Protein backbone atom coordinates (compact mmCIF):
# COMPACT_ATOMS: atom_id res chain seq x y z
CA UNK A 1 114.50 9.83 122.76
CA UNK A 2 115.81 12.44 125.20
CA UNK A 3 113.97 15.75 125.40
CA UNK A 4 116.05 18.87 124.88
CA UNK A 5 115.45 21.75 127.27
CA UNK A 6 116.56 24.95 125.56
CA UNK A 7 118.44 27.67 127.41
CA UNK A 8 116.26 30.47 126.04
CA UNK A 9 113.05 28.81 127.15
CA UNK A 10 114.50 28.31 130.64
CA UNK A 11 115.38 32.01 130.80
CA UNK A 12 111.90 33.04 129.65
CA UNK A 13 110.11 30.70 132.07
CA UNK A 14 112.26 31.72 135.02
CA UNK A 15 111.78 35.40 134.21
CA UNK A 16 108.00 34.99 134.12
CA UNK A 17 107.96 32.84 137.27
CA UNK A 18 109.88 35.59 139.08
CA UNK A 19 107.35 38.15 137.82
CA UNK A 20 109.92 40.09 135.81
CA UNK A 21 109.44 41.85 132.51
CA UNK A 22 112.22 41.70 129.94
CA UNK A 23 113.08 45.28 130.85
CA UNK A 24 113.37 44.43 134.56
CA UNK A 25 115.58 41.41 133.88
CA UNK A 26 117.69 43.45 131.47
CA UNK A 27 118.28 46.01 134.22
CA UNK A 28 119.19 43.35 136.79
CA UNK A 29 121.55 41.55 134.40
CA UNK A 30 123.01 44.70 132.86
CA UNK A 31 122.46 43.73 129.26
CA UNK A 32 120.61 45.20 126.31
CA UNK A 33 116.96 44.41 125.68
CA UNK A 34 117.66 43.13 122.17
CA UNK A 35 120.38 40.80 123.51
CA UNK A 36 118.05 39.44 126.18
CA UNK A 37 115.38 38.86 123.56
CA UNK A 38 117.90 36.98 121.42
CA UNK A 39 118.87 34.79 124.37
CA UNK A 40 115.22 34.00 125.11
CA UNK A 41 114.68 33.05 121.48
CA UNK A 42 117.95 31.08 121.28
CA UNK A 43 119.24 33.40 118.54
CA UNK A 44 122.75 33.98 119.78
CA UNK A 45 126.01 33.87 118.01
CA UNK A 46 129.08 35.96 118.27
CA UNK A 47 131.97 35.40 120.57
CA UNK A 48 131.53 32.45 122.90
CA UNK A 49 133.30 34.17 125.81
CA UNK A 50 130.96 37.18 125.69
CA UNK A 51 127.91 34.91 125.38
CA UNK A 52 128.91 32.95 128.49
CA UNK A 53 129.69 36.17 130.39
CA UNK A 54 126.21 37.56 129.66
CA UNK A 55 124.50 34.25 130.41
CA UNK A 56 126.26 34.18 133.79
CA UNK A 57 124.86 37.65 134.58
CA UNK A 58 121.37 36.57 133.50
CA UNK A 59 121.64 33.42 135.64
CA UNK A 60 122.66 35.50 138.65
CA UNK A 61 119.75 37.88 138.10
CA UNK A 62 117.39 34.89 137.93
CA UNK A 63 119.04 33.29 141.01
CA UNK A 64 120.04 30.05 139.27
CA UNK A 65 123.34 28.43 138.42
CA UNK A 66 124.76 29.04 134.95
CA UNK A 67 125.22 25.29 134.54
CA UNK A 68 121.46 24.81 134.92
CA UNK A 69 120.77 27.19 132.03
CA UNK A 70 123.36 25.55 129.79
CA UNK A 71 122.56 21.90 130.55
CA UNK A 72 119.95 20.87 127.99
CA UNK A 73 119.16 17.68 129.94
CA UNK A 74 117.86 19.64 132.95
CA UNK A 75 114.08 20.13 132.68
CA UNK A 76 112.28 23.43 132.54
CA UNK A 77 111.46 24.94 135.94
CA UNK A 78 108.04 24.25 137.38
CA UNK A 79 108.49 26.05 140.69
CA UNK A 80 110.94 28.38 142.41
CA UNK A 81 113.03 27.49 145.44
């Protein structure tokens, strides 16, 4: 059985590995704290276009590719490049 690597957990782990608080990442990505919290907890809905737009900004702030965050077959980060 293939393990699923959730987007929200990747965001949380990358944020912590980069030494960022949620507030610091929110400022870098330009999104609301409650939205960031929802992404980290995989509680997102709403319009798909807006979701992808915000995830792209979060990915840029974390210095990773958006595709990495969205691909559930890519494992969780264990180190930073």
